[in-house]
């Protein structure tokens, strides 16, 4: 069964895959341990430190859990991370515009390919 949130995640995956200077990871959450968000990401920007950003996808009629709200506040206020809550096409467009504005500075960055562990 395809849920609205899984459709949004598929769109986010497609978008992030277009940017070779974006590293992203989707930690698996099973309700145990620390609160998390769907995507933990970094974007390399030429001549500057990487920028951390996080993405949470939600059904249009849902919002962050209280634990996620605490995490979002921590990431924003203590670390200056950018947070994107994606619930619809407009939110996805906001993320796309932000990535595009950062990627224009990356014209001289060479990608290193897949990291093997």
C-alpha atoms as a PDB file:
ATOM      1  CA  UNK A   1       0.000   0.000   0.000  1.00  0.00           C
ATOM      2  CA  UNK A   2       1.325   3.413  -0.959  1.00  0.00           C
ATOM      3  CA  UNK A   3       0.763   6.110   1.630  1.00  0.00           C
ATOM      4  CA  UNK A   4       0.821   9.873   1.008  1.00  0.00           C
ATOM      5  CA  UNK A   5       4.050  10.056   3.028  1.00  0.00           C
ATOM      6  CA  UNK A   6       5.736   7.351   0.944  1.00  0.00           C
ATOM      7  CA  UNK A   7       4.860   9.268  -2.223  1.00  0.00           C
ATOM      8  CA  UNK A   8       6.442  12.389  -0.741  1.00  0.00           C
ATOM      9  CA  UNK A   9       9.578  10.426   0.224  1.00  0.00           C
ATOM     10  CA  UNK A  10       9.859   9.122  -3.320  1.00  0.00           C
ATOM     11  CA  UNK A  11       9.753  12.707  -4.634  1.00  0.00           C
ATOM     12  CA  UNK A  12      12.342  13.857  -2.073  1.00  0.00           C
ATOM     13  CA  UNK A  13      14.640  10.942  -3.011  1.00  0.00           C
ATOM     14  CA  UNK A  14      14.374  11.869  -6.679  1.00  0.00           C
ATOM     15  CA  UNK A  15      15.122  15.519  -5.927  1.00  0.00           C
ATOM     16  CA  UNK A  16      18.118  14.846  -3.678  1.00  0.00           C
ATOM     17  CA  UNK A  17      19.570  12.410  -6.213  1.00  0.00           C
ATOM     18  CA  UNK A  18      19.862  15.254  -8.734  1.00  0.00           C
ATOM     19  CA  UNK A  19      22.530  16.988  -6.624  1.00  0.00           C
ATOM     20  CA  UNK A  20      25.930  15.232  -6.513  1.00  0.00           C
ATOM     21  CA  UNK A  21      27.173  17.599  -3.805  1.00  0.00           C
ATOM     22  CA  UNK A  22      24.409  16.528  -1.417  1.00  0.00           C
ATOM     23  CA  UNK A  23      25.027  13.630   0.957  1.00  0.00           C
ATOM     24  CA  UNK A  24      21.909  12.186   2.527  1.00  0.00           C
ATOM     25  CA  UNK A  25      21.021   9.370   4.851  1.00  0.00           C
ATOM     26  CA  UNK A  26      17.684   7.978   5.967  1.00  0.00           C
ATOM     27  CA  UNK A  27      18.064   6.432   9.424  1.00  0.00           C
ATOM     28  CA  UNK A  28      15.652   3.639  10.232  1.00  0.00           C
ATOM     29  CA  UNK A  29      13.417   4.529  13.148  1.00  0.00           C
ATOM     30  CA  UNK A  30      11.516   1.881  15.064  1.00  0.00           C
ATOM     31  CA  UNK A  31      10.280   3.997  17.963  1.00  0.00           C
ATOM     32  CA  UNK A  32      13.323   3.258  20.095  1.00  0.00           C
ATOM     33  CA  UNK A  33      16.216   5.511  21.043  1.00  0.00           C
ATOM     34  CA  UNK A  34      16.574   9.177  20.227  1.00  0.00           C
ATOM     35  CA  UNK A  35      14.048  11.094  18.179  1.00  0.00           C
ATOM     36  CA  UNK A  36      14.994  11.511  14.549  1.00  0.00           C
ATOM     37  CA  UNK A  37      13.935  12.967  11.261  1.00  0.00           C
ATOM     38  CA  UNK A  38      13.540  11.155   7.949  1.00  0.00           C
ATOM     39  CA  UNK A  39      16.627  12.605   6.232  1.00  0.00           C
ATOM     40  CA  UNK A  40      19.986  13.732   7.601  1.00  0.00           C
ATOM     41  CA  UNK A  41      21.815  15.700   4.911  1.00  0.00           C
ATOM     42  CA  UNK A  42      24.875  17.773   4.080  1.00  0.00           C
ATOM     43  CA  UNK A  43      25.485  19.963   1.056  1.00  0.00           C
ATOM     44  CA  UNK A  44      28.995  20.977   0.077  1.00  0.00           C
ATOM     45  CA  UNK A  45      29.339  24.593  -0.902  1.00  0.00           C
ATOM     46  CA  UNK A  46      32.512  25.758  -2.610  1.00  0.00           C
ATOM     47  CA  UNK A  47      34.778  27.772  -0.330  1.00  0.00           C
ATOM     48  CA  UNK A  48      32.701  27.136   2.782  1.00  0.00           C
ATOM     49  CA  UNK A  49      31.941  24.446   5.326  1.00  0.00           C
ATOM     50  CA  UNK A  50      29.211  21.954   4.428  1.00  0.00           C
ATOM     51  CA  UNK A  51      25.705  22.974   5.423  1.00  0.00           C
ATOM     52  CA  UNK A  52      23.667  20.526   7.498  1.00  0.00           C
ATOM     53  CA  UNK A  53      20.003  20.204   6.712  1.00  0.00           C
ATOM     54  CA  UNK A  54      17.307  17.795   7.759  1.00  0.00           C
ATOM     55  CA  UNK A  55      14.058  16.772   6.127  1.00  0.00           C
ATOM     56  CA  UNK A  56      10.922  15.330   7.660  1.00  0.00           C
ATOM     57  CA  UNK A  57       8.126  14.126   5.408  1.00  0.00           C
ATOM     58  CA  UNK A  58       4.592  14.118   6.757  1.00  0.00           C
ATOM     59  CA  UNK A  59       1.111  13.379   5.536  1.00  0.00           C
ATOM     60  CA  UNK A  60      -0.609  16.704   4.794  1.00  0.00           C
ATOM     61  CA  UNK A  61      -2.872  16.342   7.850  1.00  0.00           C
ATOM     62  CA  UNK A  62      -0.099  15.464  10.348  1.00  0.00           C
ATOM     63  CA  UNK A  63       2.681  17.414  12.062  1.00  0.00           C
ATOM     64  CA  UNK A  64       5.862  16.751  14.023  1.00  0.00           C
ATOM     65  CA  UNK A  65       5.676  14.654  17.154  1.00  0.00           C
ATOM     66  CA  UNK A  66       6.586  16.406  20.422  1.00  0.00           C
ATOM     67  CA  UNK A  67       9.969  14.593  20.433  1.00  0.00           C
ATOM     68  CA  UNK A  68      10.623  15.721  16.853  1.00  0.00           C
ATOM     69  CA  UNK A  69       9.755  19.309  17.771  1.00  0.00           C
ATOM     70  CA  UNK A  70      12.376  19.226  20.543  1.00  0.00           C
ATOM     71  CA  UNK A  71      14.943  17.843  18.086  1.00  0.00           C
ATOM     72  CA  UNK A  72      14.093  20.467  15.457  1.00  0.00           C
ATOM     73  CA  UNK A  73      14.511  23.255  18.018  1.00  0.00           C
ATOM     74  CA  UNK A  74      17.871  21.808  19.090  1.00  0.00           C
ATOM     75  CA  UNK A  75      19.146  21.469  15.516  1.00  0.00           C
ATOM     76  CA  UNK A  76      18.012  24.963  14.517  1.00  0.00           C
ATOM     77  CA  UNK A  77      18.953  26.890  17.642  1.00  0.00           C
ATOM     78  CA  UNK A  78      22.145  25.128  18.724  1.00  0.00           C
ATOM     79  CA  UNK A  79      23.617  24.108  15.384  1.00  0.00           C
ATOM     80  CA  UNK A  80      22.063  26.451  12.820  1.00  0.00           C
ATOM     81  CA  UNK A  81      20.779  23.533  10.765  1.00  0.00           C
ATOM     82  CA  UNK A  82      18.108  24.125   8.147  1.00  0.00           C
ATOM     83  CA  UNK A  83      14.954  22.034   8.603  1.00  0.00           C
ATOM     84  CA  UNK A  84      12.440  21.239   5.862  1.00  0.00           C
ATOM     85  CA  UNK A  85       9.028  19.774   6.636  1.00  0.00           C
ATOM     86  CA  UNK A  86       7.698  18.376   3.356  1.00  0.00           C
ATOM     87  CA  UNK A  87       3.956  17.775   3.161  1.00  0.00           C
ATOM     88  CA  UNK A  88       3.054  18.825  -0.363  1.00  0.00           C
ATOM     89  CA  UNK A  89       4.375  20.023  -3.729  1.00  0.00           C
ATOM     90  CA  UNK A  90       4.823  23.595  -2.470  1.00  0.00           C
ATOM     91  CA  UNK A  91       7.094  22.391   0.343  1.00  0.00           C
ATOM     92  CA  UNK A  92       9.032  20.281  -2.155  1.00  0.00           C
ATOM     93  CA  UNK A  93       9.446  23.342  -4.385  1.00  0.00           C
ATOM     94  CA  UNK A  94      10.827  25.317  -1.417  1.00  0.00           C
ATOM     95  CA  UNK A  95      13.428  22.591  -0.861  1.00  0.00           C
ATOM     96  CA  UNK A  96      14.218  22.466  -4.578  1.00  0.00           C
ATOM     97  CA  UNK A  97      14.738  26.244  -4.725  1.00  0.00           C
ATOM     98  CA  UNK A  98      17.002  26.148  -1.659  1.00  0.00           C
ATOM     99  CA  UNK A  99      19.119  23.332  -3.118  1.00  0.00           C
ATOM    100  CA  UNK A 100      19.340  25.093  -6.454  1.00  0.00           C
ATOM    101  CA  UNK A 101      20.480  28.329  -4.828  1.00  0.00           C
ATOM    102  CA  UNK A 102      23.265  26.429  -3.004  1.00  0.00           C
ATOM    103  CA  UNK A 103      24.271  24.338  -6.003  1.00  0.00           C
ATOM    104  CA  UNK A 104      25.082  27.337  -8.182  1.00  0.00           C
ATOM    105  CA  UNK A 105      28.150  27.871  -5.986  1.00  0.00           C
ATOM    106  CA  UNK A 106      29.353  24.313  -6.587  1.00  0.00           C
ATOM    107  CA  UNK A 107      30.509  24.570 -10.184  1.00  0.00           C
ATOM    108  CA  UNK A 108      34.153  23.797  -9.315  1.00  0.00           C
ATOM    109  CA  UNK A 109      33.518  21.022  -6.784  1.00  0.00           C
ATOM    110  CA  UNK A 110      34.385  17.594  -8.109  1.00  0.00           C
ATOM    111  CA  UNK A 111      32.384  14.668  -6.830  1.00  0.00           C
ATOM    112  CA  UNK A 112      34.268  11.659  -5.511  1.00  0.00           C
ATOM    113  CA  UNK A 113      31.733   8.974  -6.366  1.00  0.00           C
ATOM    114  CA  UNK A 114      30.306   6.345  -4.077  1.00  0.00           C
ATOM    115  CA  UNK A 115      31.824   5.885  -0.655  1.00  0.00           C
ATOM    116  CA  UNK A 116      32.573   2.225   0.055  1.00  0.00           C
ATOM    117  CA  UNK A 117      32.709   1.048   3.644  1.00  0.00           C
END
